[in-house]
Amino acid sequence: MTKLQEIPIQTNLNAYNFPMPEMNINTKPEMNTKSNKEQAAMDRSHIVKLLQQYDVAPTRQRIEIADYLFQKPQHLSAEDILEGVNIDANRVSRATVYNTLGLFTNKGLVREILIDRERVFYDTNRAAHYHLYDVDRGELHDVMNSDITVDTPRLPEGMRVVSTDVIFRVSSKP
């Protein structure tokens, strides 16, 4: 068994953006003159193109899940997604949701954020960023990398940092 070496990391939290403003990644700045039905079809075509761009076969269930996930940058649990997808009389099983989220995570469409053993969020914001978790409300918010400085530790020879996950857990209670 390899002994882990403790490496001190100095962080300096300058500021954080929270809550993140809501935005719909499917809308365009120009005025929308299309009907809801036409708009939905256009949105679906964007979802299909996004899935294909990440080499994900666009099945009906995957499109439904992606359509719900990518309404805006957000952090959702698998149960939130299951409930949201099936609210419009869709029939997507729990197993399909979990399998699809695993596929989306592996392909880089979403980021899996592990808060603890019972809390896992799926993050639709693919830009480099950290997180702030409000333990009182159970909410996860984005903190942009430019708001935090993290000194990279000295790494063993031949090693490189492939990703960094930072979660600030905050509470208003003493």
N, C-alpha and C. Protein backbone atom coordinates (compact mmCIF):
# COMPACT_ATOMS: atom_id res chain seq x y z
N MET A 1 0.84 -1.17 0.00
CA MET A 1 0.00 0.00 0.00
C MET A 1 0.89 1.24 0.00
N THR A 2 0.59 2.21 -0.85
CA THR A 2 1.36 3.43 -0.96
C THR A 2 0.95 4.40 0.13
N LYS A 3 1.93 4.99 0.80
CA LYS A 3 1.65 5.99 1.83
C LYS A 3 1.43 7.33 1.13
N LEU A 4 0.34 7.99 1.47
CA LEU A 4 0.04 9.29 0.88
C LEU A 4 0.87 10.37 1.55
N GLN A 5 1.41 11.23 0.76
CA GLN A 5 2.19 12.34 1.28
C GLN A 5 1.28 13.53 1.46
N GLU A 6 1.32 14.17 2.61
CA GLU A 6 0.51 15.35 2.85
C GLU A 6 1.22 16.54 2.25
N ILE A 7 0.53 17.25 1.36
CA ILE A 7 1.10 18.40 0.68
C ILE A 7 0.28 19.63 1.07
N PRO A 8 0.88 20.62 1.71
CA PRO A 8 0.11 21.81 2.09
C PRO A 8 -0.29 22.62 0.86
N ILE A 9 -1.53 23.06 0.85
CA ILE A 9 -2.03 23.89 -0.23
C ILE A 9 -2.58 25.16 0.40
N GLN A 10 -2.08 26.29 -0.05
CA GLN A 10 -2.56 27.55 0.47
C GLN A 10 -3.62 28.09 -0.47
N THR A 11 -4.79 28.45 0.09
CA THR A 11 -5.84 29.04 -0.72
C THR A 11 -6.16 30.41 -0.19
N ASN A 12 -6.59 31.26 -1.06
CA ASN A 12 -6.99 32.60 -0.68
C ASN A 12 -8.30 32.90 -1.37
N LEU A 13 -9.39 32.93 -0.63
CA LEU A 13 -10.71 33.21 -1.20
C LEU A 13 -10.86 34.71 -1.29
N ASN A 14 -10.86 35.23 -2.51
CA ASN A 14 -10.99 36.66 -2.71
C ASN A 14 -12.45 37.10 -2.65
N ALA A 15 -13.31 36.39 -3.35
CA ALA A 15 -14.73 36.72 -3.39
C ALA A 15 -15.45 35.55 -4.03
N TYR A 16 -16.76 35.56 -3.94
CA TYR A 16 -17.50 34.52 -4.64
C TYR A 16 -18.78 35.06 -5.24
N ASN A 17 -19.18 34.46 -6.33
CA ASN A 17 -20.41 34.83 -7.03
C ASN A 17 -21.48 33.86 -6.59
N PHE A 18 -22.48 34.37 -5.86
CA PHE A 18 -23.51 33.45 -5.40
C PHE A 18 -24.71 34.28 -5.03
N PRO A 19 -25.92 33.94 -5.40
CA PRO A 19 -26.22 32.83 -6.30
C PRO A 19 -25.92 33.19 -7.75
N MET A 20 -25.74 32.17 -8.54
CA MET A 20 -25.44 32.36 -9.95
C MET A 20 -26.68 32.84 -10.69
N PRO A 21 -26.59 33.85 -11.52
CA PRO A 21 -27.77 34.30 -12.25
C PRO A 21 -28.29 33.22 -13.18
N GLU A 22 -29.61 33.13 -13.26
CA GLU A 22 -30.20 32.12 -14.14
C GLU A 22 -30.08 32.58 -15.59
N MET A 23 -29.77 31.63 -16.45
CA MET A 23 -29.70 31.93 -17.87
C MET A 23 -30.06 30.69 -18.64
N ASN A 24 -30.71 30.87 -19.75
CA ASN A 24 -31.12 29.74 -20.58
C ASN A 24 -30.15 29.63 -21.73
N ILE A 25 -29.40 28.53 -21.79
CA ILE A 25 -28.39 28.38 -22.84
C ILE A 25 -29.01 28.11 -24.21
N ASN A 26 -30.34 27.88 -24.23
CA ASN A 26 -31.00 27.60 -25.50
C ASN A 26 -31.55 28.86 -26.18
N THR A 27 -31.55 29.99 -25.48
CA THR A 27 -32.10 31.20 -26.08
C THR A 27 -30.99 32.01 -26.72
N LYS A 28 -31.37 32.81 -27.70
CA LYS A 28 -30.43 33.67 -28.39
C LYS A 28 -30.79 35.12 -28.08
N PRO A 29 -29.84 36.03 -28.19
CA PRO A 29 -30.11 37.42 -27.85
C PRO A 29 -31.19 38.07 -28.68
N GLU A 30 -31.35 37.67 -29.96
CA GLU A 30 -32.35 38.31 -30.79
C GLU A 30 -33.75 37.93 -30.33
N MET A 31 -34.73 38.77 -30.72
CA MET A 31 -36.11 38.54 -30.30
C MET A 31 -36.65 37.24 -30.90
N ASN A 32 -37.32 36.46 -30.09
CA ASN A 32 -37.87 35.18 -30.54
C ASN A 32 -39.30 35.39 -31.04
N THR A 33 -39.53 35.14 -32.33
CA THR A 33 -40.86 35.30 -32.90
C THR A 33 -41.51 33.96 -33.23
N LYS A 34 -40.90 32.86 -32.83
CA LYS A 34 -41.42 31.54 -33.12
C LYS A 34 -42.41 31.11 -32.05
N SER A 35 -43.34 30.24 -32.43
CA SER A 35 -44.29 29.70 -31.47
C SER A 35 -43.58 28.77 -30.50
N ASN A 36 -44.26 28.44 -29.39
CA ASN A 36 -43.67 27.51 -28.41
C ASN A 36 -43.34 26.18 -29.05
N LYS A 37 -44.21 25.69 -29.94
CA LYS A 37 -43.97 24.42 -30.60
C LYS A 37 -42.73 24.50 -31.49
N GLU A 38 -42.62 25.59 -32.26
CA GLU A 38 -41.45 25.77 -33.11
C GLU A 38 -40.18 25.93 -32.27
N GLN A 39 -40.29 26.68 -31.16
CA GLN A 39 -39.14 26.91 -30.28
C GLN A 39 -38.69 25.58 -29.67
N ALA A 40 -39.64 24.74 -29.23
CA ALA A 40 -39.30 23.45 -28.64
C ALA A 40 -38.56 22.58 -29.65
N ALA A 41 -39.02 22.59 -30.90
CA ALA A 41 -38.36 21.79 -31.94
C ALA A 41 -36.94 22.29 -32.16
N MET A 42 -36.76 23.61 -32.16
CA MET A 42 -35.43 24.17 -32.35
C MET A 42 -34.53 23.79 -31.16
N ASP A 43 -35.07 23.89 -29.95
CA ASP A 43 -34.31 23.52 -28.77
C ASP A 43 -33.90 22.05 -28.83
N ARG A 44 -34.81 21.20 -29.25
CA ARG A 44 -34.49 19.78 -29.35
C ARG A 44 -33.37 19.54 -30.35
N SER A 45 -33.37 20.28 -31.44
CA SER A 45 -32.32 20.09 -32.43
C SER A 45 -30.96 20.49 -31.84
N HIS A 46 -30.95 21.52 -31.00
CA HIS A 46 -29.70 21.91 -30.33
C HIS A 46 -29.26 20.82 -29.36
N ILE A 47 -30.20 20.21 -28.66
CA ILE A 47 -29.88 19.13 -27.72
C ILE A 47 -29.28 17.95 -28.48
N VAL A 48 -29.90 17.58 -29.61
CA VAL A 48 -29.40 16.46 -30.41
C VAL A 48 -27.98 16.76 -30.88
N LYS A 49 -27.74 17.98 -31.36
CA LYS A 49 -26.40 18.36 -31.83
C LYS A 49 -25.39 18.31 -30.68
N LEU A 50 -25.81 18.76 -29.50
CA LEU A 50 -24.91 18.72 -28.34
C LEU A 50 -24.54 17.28 -28.00
N LEU A 51 -25.51 16.40 -27.96
CA LEU A 51 -25.24 14.99 -27.66
C LEU A 51 -24.31 14.38 -28.71
N GLN A 52 -24.58 14.66 -29.96
CA GLN A 52 -23.74 14.13 -31.04
C GLN A 52 -22.32 14.68 -30.95
N GLN A 53 -22.18 15.95 -30.57
CA GLN A 53 -20.87 16.57 -30.43
C GLN A 53 -20.04 15.83 -29.38
N TYR A 54 -20.69 15.29 -28.36
CA TYR A 54 -19.98 14.55 -27.30
C TYR A 54 -20.03 13.04 -27.52
N ASP A 55 -20.37 12.65 -28.74
CA ASP A 55 -20.39 11.23 -29.13
C ASP A 55 -21.35 10.41 -28.28
N VAL A 56 -22.55 10.98 -28.04
CA VAL A 56 -23.61 10.31 -27.31
C VAL A 56 -24.76 10.09 -28.28
N ALA A 57 -25.17 8.84 -28.45
CA ALA A 57 -26.30 8.54 -29.34
C ALA A 57 -27.56 9.18 -28.76
N PRO A 58 -28.27 10.01 -29.55
CA PRO A 58 -29.43 10.74 -29.03
C PRO A 58 -30.73 9.90 -29.01
N THR A 59 -30.88 9.05 -28.00
CA THR A 59 -32.13 8.30 -27.84
C THR A 59 -33.19 9.23 -27.26
N ARG A 60 -34.44 8.81 -27.31
CA ARG A 60 -35.54 9.63 -26.78
C ARG A 60 -35.30 9.97 -25.31
N GLN A 61 -34.91 8.97 -24.50
CA GLN A 61 -34.71 9.21 -23.08
C GLN A 61 -33.53 10.15 -22.82
N ARG A 62 -32.45 9.98 -23.56
CA ARG A 62 -31.29 10.85 -23.37
C ARG A 62 -31.61 12.29 -23.75
N ILE A 63 -32.40 12.45 -24.81
CA ILE A 63 -32.82 13.80 -25.21
C ILE A 63 -33.69 14.42 -24.13
N GLU A 64 -34.63 13.66 -23.56
CA GLU A 64 -35.49 14.15 -22.48
C GLU A 64 -34.65 14.59 -21.28
N ILE A 65 -33.71 13.76 -20.90
CA ILE A 65 -32.85 14.06 -19.74
C ILE A 65 -31.98 15.28 -20.03
N ALA A 66 -31.36 15.32 -21.20
CA ALA A 66 -30.51 16.47 -21.57
C ALA A 66 -31.33 17.75 -21.67
N ASP A 67 -32.53 17.65 -22.22
CA ASP A 67 -33.40 18.82 -22.34
C ASP A 67 -33.71 19.40 -20.96
N TYR A 68 -33.97 18.55 -20.00
CA TYR A 68 -34.24 19.02 -18.64
C TYR A 68 -32.97 19.57 -17.98
N LEU A 69 -31.88 18.88 -18.15
CA LEU A 69 -30.61 19.28 -17.53
C LEU A 69 -30.11 20.63 -18.04
N PHE A 70 -30.16 20.84 -19.35
CA PHE A 70 -29.52 22.00 -19.96
C PHE A 70 -30.45 23.18 -20.17
N GLN A 71 -31.53 23.27 -19.39
CA GLN A 71 -32.40 24.44 -19.45
C GLN A 71 -31.65 25.70 -19.03
N LYS A 72 -30.72 25.53 -18.09
CA LYS A 72 -29.90 26.63 -17.58
C LYS A 72 -28.73 26.01 -16.83
N PRO A 73 -27.68 26.78 -16.55
CA PRO A 73 -26.61 26.24 -15.71
C PRO A 73 -27.19 25.94 -14.33
N GLN A 74 -27.06 24.70 -13.87
CA GLN A 74 -27.66 24.31 -12.60
C GLN A 74 -27.00 23.08 -12.03
N HIS A 75 -27.32 22.80 -10.78
CA HIS A 75 -26.82 21.63 -10.06
C HIS A 75 -28.03 20.82 -9.63
N LEU A 76 -28.16 19.62 -10.16
CA LEU A 76 -29.32 18.78 -9.87
C LEU A 76 -28.88 17.40 -9.39
N SER A 77 -29.68 16.82 -8.51
CA SER A 77 -29.46 15.43 -8.12
C SER A 77 -30.14 14.53 -9.14
N ALA A 78 -29.81 13.25 -9.12
CA ALA A 78 -30.46 12.30 -10.02
C ALA A 78 -31.95 12.25 -9.74
N GLU A 79 -32.34 12.34 -8.48
CA GLU A 79 -33.77 12.32 -8.12
C GLU A 79 -34.48 13.56 -8.64
N ASP A 80 -33.83 14.73 -8.57
CA ASP A 80 -34.40 15.96 -9.14
C ASP A 80 -34.64 15.78 -10.63
N ILE A 81 -33.69 15.19 -11.30
CA ILE A 81 -33.78 14.99 -12.75
C ILE A 81 -34.89 13.99 -13.07
N LEU A 82 -34.95 12.89 -12.34
CA LEU A 82 -36.00 11.89 -12.55
C LEU A 82 -37.38 12.52 -12.40
N GLU A 83 -37.56 13.29 -11.34
CA GLU A 83 -38.85 13.94 -11.10
C GLU A 83 -39.15 14.96 -12.19
N GLY A 84 -38.17 15.78 -12.55
CA GLY A 84 -38.39 16.82 -13.55
C GLY A 84 -38.67 16.28 -14.94
N VAL A 85 -37.98 15.22 -15.31
CA VAL A 85 -38.17 14.63 -16.64
C VAL A 85 -39.56 13.99 -16.75
N ASN A 86 -39.99 13.37 -15.69
CA ASN A 86 -41.27 12.64 -15.73
C ASN A 86 -42.48 13.49 -15.40
N ILE A 87 -42.31 14.76 -15.12
CA ILE A 87 -43.43 15.62 -14.78
C ILE A 87 -44.38 15.84 -15.97
N ASP A 88 -43.85 15.78 -17.18
CA ASP A 88 -44.66 15.98 -18.39
C ASP A 88 -45.12 14.67 -19.00
N ALA A 89 -45.42 13.70 -18.16
CA ALA A 89 -45.95 12.39 -18.59
C ALA A 89 -44.95 11.56 -19.38
N ASN A 90 -43.66 11.91 -19.29
CA ASN A 90 -42.64 11.05 -19.88
C ASN A 90 -42.47 9.84 -18.99
N ARG A 91 -41.98 8.78 -19.54
CA ARG A 91 -41.72 7.58 -18.75
C ARG A 91 -40.25 7.21 -18.90
N VAL A 92 -39.45 7.80 -18.02
CA VAL A 92 -38.03 7.51 -17.99
C VAL A 92 -37.77 6.86 -16.64
N SER A 93 -37.17 5.69 -16.64
CA SER A 93 -36.96 4.95 -15.40
C SER A 93 -35.79 5.53 -14.60
N ARG A 94 -35.76 5.22 -13.32
CA ARG A 94 -34.67 5.62 -12.42
C ARG A 94 -33.34 5.08 -12.95
N ALA A 95 -33.33 3.81 -13.37
CA ALA A 95 -32.10 3.20 -13.89
C ALA A 95 -31.61 3.94 -15.13
N THR A 96 -32.52 4.34 -16.00
CA THR A 96 -32.14 5.08 -17.22
C THR A 96 -31.53 6.43 -16.85
N VAL A 97 -32.11 7.11 -15.87
CA VAL A 97 -31.56 8.40 -15.44
C VAL A 97 -30.14 8.21 -14.91
N TYR A 98 -29.95 7.25 -14.00
CA TYR A 98 -28.61 7.03 -13.44
C TYR A 98 -27.61 6.59 -14.51
N ASN A 99 -28.01 5.70 -15.40
CA ASN A 99 -27.11 5.26 -16.48
C ASN A 99 -26.76 6.41 -17.41
N THR A 100 -27.75 7.23 -17.73
CA THR A 100 -27.52 8.37 -18.63
C THR A 100 -26.61 9.40 -17.97
N LEU A 101 -26.82 9.66 -16.69
CA LEU A 101 -25.95 10.61 -15.99
C LEU A 101 -24.51 10.09 -15.93
N GLY A 102 -24.36 8.79 -15.75
CA GLY A 102 -23.02 8.19 -15.79
C GLY A 102 -22.37 8.38 -17.15
N LEU A 103 -23.15 8.16 -18.21
CA LEU A 103 -22.64 8.35 -19.57
C LEU A 103 -22.29 9.82 -19.81
N PHE A 104 -23.19 10.73 -19.44
CA PHE A 104 -22.94 12.16 -19.64
C PHE A 104 -21.69 12.59 -18.87
N THR A 105 -21.49 12.06 -17.67
CA THR A 105 -20.30 12.38 -16.88
C THR A 105 -19.05 11.87 -17.57
N ASN A 106 -19.07 10.62 -18.00
CA ASN A 106 -17.91 10.03 -18.67
C ASN A 106 -17.55 10.75 -19.96
N LYS A 107 -18.55 11.25 -20.68
CA LYS A 107 -18.31 11.94 -21.95
C LYS A 107 -17.97 13.42 -21.76
N GLY A 108 -18.12 13.95 -20.53
CA GLY A 108 -17.77 15.35 -20.27
C GLY A 108 -18.91 16.32 -20.46
N LEU A 109 -20.13 15.84 -20.62
CA LEU A 109 -21.28 16.74 -20.76
C LEU A 109 -21.65 17.40 -19.44
N VAL A 110 -21.53 16.67 -18.34
CA VAL A 110 -21.80 17.20 -17.01
C VAL A 110 -20.66 16.80 -16.08
N ARG A 111 -20.60 17.47 -14.96
CA ARG A 111 -19.61 17.17 -13.94
C ARG A 111 -20.32 16.61 -12.73
N GLU A 112 -19.84 15.51 -12.21
CA GLU A 112 -20.41 14.92 -11.00
C GLU A 112 -19.73 15.55 -9.80
N ILE A 113 -20.53 16.13 -8.91
CA ILE A 113 -20.01 16.81 -7.73
C ILE A 113 -20.44 16.01 -6.50
N LEU A 114 -19.47 15.40 -5.82
CA LEU A 114 -19.75 14.60 -4.63
C LEU A 114 -19.62 15.48 -3.39
N ILE A 115 -20.75 15.74 -2.75
CA ILE A 115 -20.74 16.54 -1.54
C ILE A 115 -20.41 15.64 -0.35
N ASP A 116 -21.10 14.51 -0.26
CA ASP A 116 -20.82 13.48 0.73
C ASP A 116 -21.45 12.19 0.22
N ARG A 117 -21.47 11.16 1.03
CA ARG A 117 -21.97 9.86 0.57
C ARG A 117 -23.41 9.90 0.09
N GLU A 118 -24.22 10.77 0.69
CA GLU A 118 -25.64 10.83 0.32
C GLU A 118 -25.99 11.92 -0.69
N ARG A 119 -25.07 12.83 -0.97
CA ARG A 119 -25.38 13.96 -1.84
C ARG A 119 -24.43 14.02 -3.03
N VAL A 120 -25.02 13.85 -4.19
CA VAL A 120 -24.28 13.96 -5.46
C VAL A 120 -25.09 14.89 -6.35
N PHE A 121 -24.41 15.88 -6.90
CA PHE A 121 -25.04 16.81 -7.84
C PHE A 121 -24.42 16.62 -9.21
N TYR A 122 -25.19 16.94 -10.24
CA TYR A 122 -24.70 16.94 -11.61
C TYR A 122 -24.71 18.38 -12.08
N ASP A 123 -23.55 18.86 -12.47
CA ASP A 123 -23.32 20.26 -12.80
C ASP A 123 -23.28 20.44 -14.31
N THR A 124 -24.12 21.32 -14.82
CA THR A 124 -24.18 21.55 -16.26
C THR A 124 -23.19 22.63 -16.73
N ASN A 125 -22.59 23.33 -15.79
CA ASN A 125 -21.60 24.36 -16.13
C ASN A 125 -20.26 23.68 -16.38
N ARG A 126 -19.84 23.62 -17.63
CA ARG A 126 -18.62 22.92 -17.99
C ARG A 126 -17.38 23.82 -17.94
N ALA A 127 -17.57 25.10 -17.63
CA ALA A 127 -16.42 26.00 -17.49
C ALA A 127 -15.68 25.66 -16.19
N ALA A 128 -14.40 25.97 -16.16
CA ALA A 128 -13.61 25.71 -14.96
C ALA A 128 -14.13 26.59 -13.81
N HIS A 129 -14.49 25.94 -12.71
CA HIS A 129 -14.99 26.67 -11.55
C HIS A 129 -14.99 25.77 -10.31
N TYR A 130 -15.19 26.40 -9.17
CA TYR A 130 -15.28 25.69 -7.90
C TYR A 130 -16.71 25.79 -7.39
N HIS A 131 -16.93 25.34 -6.15
CA HIS A 131 -18.30 25.32 -5.63
C HIS A 131 -18.39 25.80 -4.19
N LEU A 132 -19.55 26.35 -3.87
CA LEU A 132 -19.90 26.74 -2.52
C LEU A 132 -21.17 25.96 -2.17
N TYR A 133 -21.11 25.15 -1.11
CA TYR A 133 -22.26 24.34 -0.71
C TYR A 133 -22.85 24.89 0.58
N ASP A 134 -24.10 25.32 0.52
CA ASP A 134 -24.84 25.83 1.67
C ASP A 134 -25.43 24.63 2.41
N VAL A 135 -24.81 24.24 3.53
CA VAL A 135 -25.25 23.04 4.25
C VAL A 135 -26.62 23.23 4.89
N ASP A 136 -27.01 24.47 5.17
CA ASP A 136 -28.32 24.73 5.76
C ASP A 136 -29.44 24.50 4.76
N ARG A 137 -29.24 24.90 3.54
CA ARG A 137 -30.27 24.80 2.50
C ARG A 137 -30.09 23.60 1.57
N GLY A 138 -28.91 22.99 1.60
CA GLY A 138 -28.64 21.89 0.69
C GLY A 138 -28.46 22.35 -0.74
N GLU A 139 -27.97 23.58 -0.93
CA GLU A 139 -27.81 24.16 -2.26
C GLU A 139 -26.34 24.28 -2.63
N LEU A 140 -26.08 24.07 -3.90
CA LEU A 140 -24.72 24.17 -4.43
C LEU A 140 -24.68 25.35 -5.40
N HIS A 141 -23.65 26.20 -5.26
CA HIS A 141 -23.49 27.39 -6.11
C HIS A 141 -22.11 27.39 -6.74
N ASP A 142 -22.01 28.00 -7.90
CA ASP A 142 -20.74 28.11 -8.60
C ASP A 142 -19.90 29.25 -8.02
N VAL A 143 -18.60 29.03 -7.97
CA VAL A 143 -17.61 30.05 -7.62
C VAL A 143 -16.61 30.02 -8.76
N MET A 144 -16.52 31.11 -9.48
CA MET A 144 -15.65 31.14 -10.65
C MET A 144 -14.17 31.13 -10.22
N ASN A 145 -13.34 30.48 -11.00
CA ASN A 145 -11.91 30.34 -10.69
C ASN A 145 -11.23 31.68 -10.49
N SER A 146 -11.69 32.70 -11.21
CA SER A 146 -11.04 34.01 -11.09
C SER A 146 -11.28 34.63 -9.71
N ASP A 147 -12.26 34.10 -8.95
CA ASP A 147 -12.55 34.61 -7.62
C ASP A 147 -11.71 33.96 -6.54
N ILE A 148 -10.90 32.96 -6.90
CA ILE A 148 -10.12 32.21 -5.93
C ILE A 148 -8.70 32.04 -6.47
N THR A 149 -7.74 32.15 -5.59
CA THR A 149 -6.38 31.81 -5.98
C THR A 149 -5.97 30.57 -5.22
N VAL A 150 -5.50 29.57 -5.93
CA VAL A 150 -5.04 28.33 -5.33
C VAL A 150 -3.61 28.11 -5.79
N ASP A 151 -2.70 28.03 -4.83
CA ASP A 151 -1.31 27.75 -5.16
C ASP A 151 -1.16 26.26 -5.45
N THR A 152 -0.60 25.95 -6.59
CA THR A 152 -0.39 24.56 -6.95
C THR A 152 0.75 23.99 -6.10
N PRO A 153 0.52 22.86 -5.48
CA PRO A 153 1.57 22.26 -4.65
C PRO A 153 2.71 21.73 -5.51
N ARG A 154 3.85 21.53 -4.90
CA ARG A 154 4.97 20.90 -5.59
C ARG A 154 4.59 19.43 -5.79
N LEU A 155 4.62 18.99 -7.01
CA LEU A 155 4.20 17.64 -7.34
C LEU A 155 5.39 16.72 -7.49
N PRO A 156 5.18 15.44 -7.26
CA PRO A 156 6.26 14.48 -7.53
C PRO A 156 6.67 14.55 -9.00
N GLU A 157 7.91 14.26 -9.27
CA GLU A 157 8.44 14.33 -10.62
C GLU A 157 7.60 13.47 -11.57
N GLY A 158 7.30 14.02 -12.72
CA GLY A 158 6.54 13.31 -13.74
C GLY A 158 5.03 13.40 -13.56
N MET A 159 4.56 14.07 -12.50
CA MET A 159 3.12 14.18 -12.25
C MET A 159 2.63 15.55 -12.67
N ARG A 160 1.34 15.62 -13.01
CA ARG A 160 0.73 16.90 -13.36
C ARG A 160 -0.69 16.92 -12.80
N VAL A 161 -1.20 18.10 -12.52
CA VAL A 161 -2.57 18.25 -12.03
C VAL A 161 -3.51 18.09 -13.23
N VAL A 162 -4.46 17.17 -13.12
CA VAL A 162 -5.43 16.98 -14.21
C VAL A 162 -6.77 17.65 -13.89
N SER A 163 -7.07 17.82 -12.62
CA SER A 163 -8.27 18.57 -12.23
C SER A 163 -8.18 18.92 -10.76
N THR A 164 -8.93 19.92 -10.38
CA THR A 164 -8.99 20.34 -8.98
C THR A 164 -10.45 20.58 -8.63
N ASP A 165 -10.90 19.95 -7.57
CA ASP A 165 -12.26 20.16 -7.09
C ASP A 165 -12.18 20.84 -5.73
N VAL A 166 -12.78 22.02 -5.64
CA VAL A 166 -12.82 22.76 -4.39
C VAL A 166 -14.28 23.01 -4.05
N ILE A 167 -14.67 22.60 -2.86
CA ILE A 167 -16.03 22.84 -2.38
C ILE A 167 -15.92 23.53 -1.03
N PHE A 168 -16.43 24.75 -0.95
CA PHE A 168 -16.51 25.46 0.31
C PHE A 168 -17.86 25.13 0.94
N ARG A 169 -17.86 24.53 2.10
CA ARG A 169 -19.11 24.22 2.81
C ARG A 169 -19.36 25.36 3.79
N VAL A 170 -20.51 26.02 3.65
CA VAL A 170 -20.82 27.18 4.48
C VAL A 170 -22.13 26.97 5.22
N SER A 171 -22.25 27.67 6.35
CA SER A 171 -23.46 27.60 7.15
C SER A 171 -23.65 28.94 7.85
N SER A 172 -24.90 29.33 8.03
CA SER A 172 -25.19 30.55 8.78
C SER A 172 -25.37 30.25 10.25
N LYS A 173 -25.39 28.98 10.61
CA LYS A 173 -25.57 28.57 12.01
C LYS A 173 -24.21 28.50 12.70
N PRO A 174 -24.19 28.82 14.01
CA PRO A 174 -22.90 28.78 14.74
C PRO A 174 -22.35 27.38 14.89
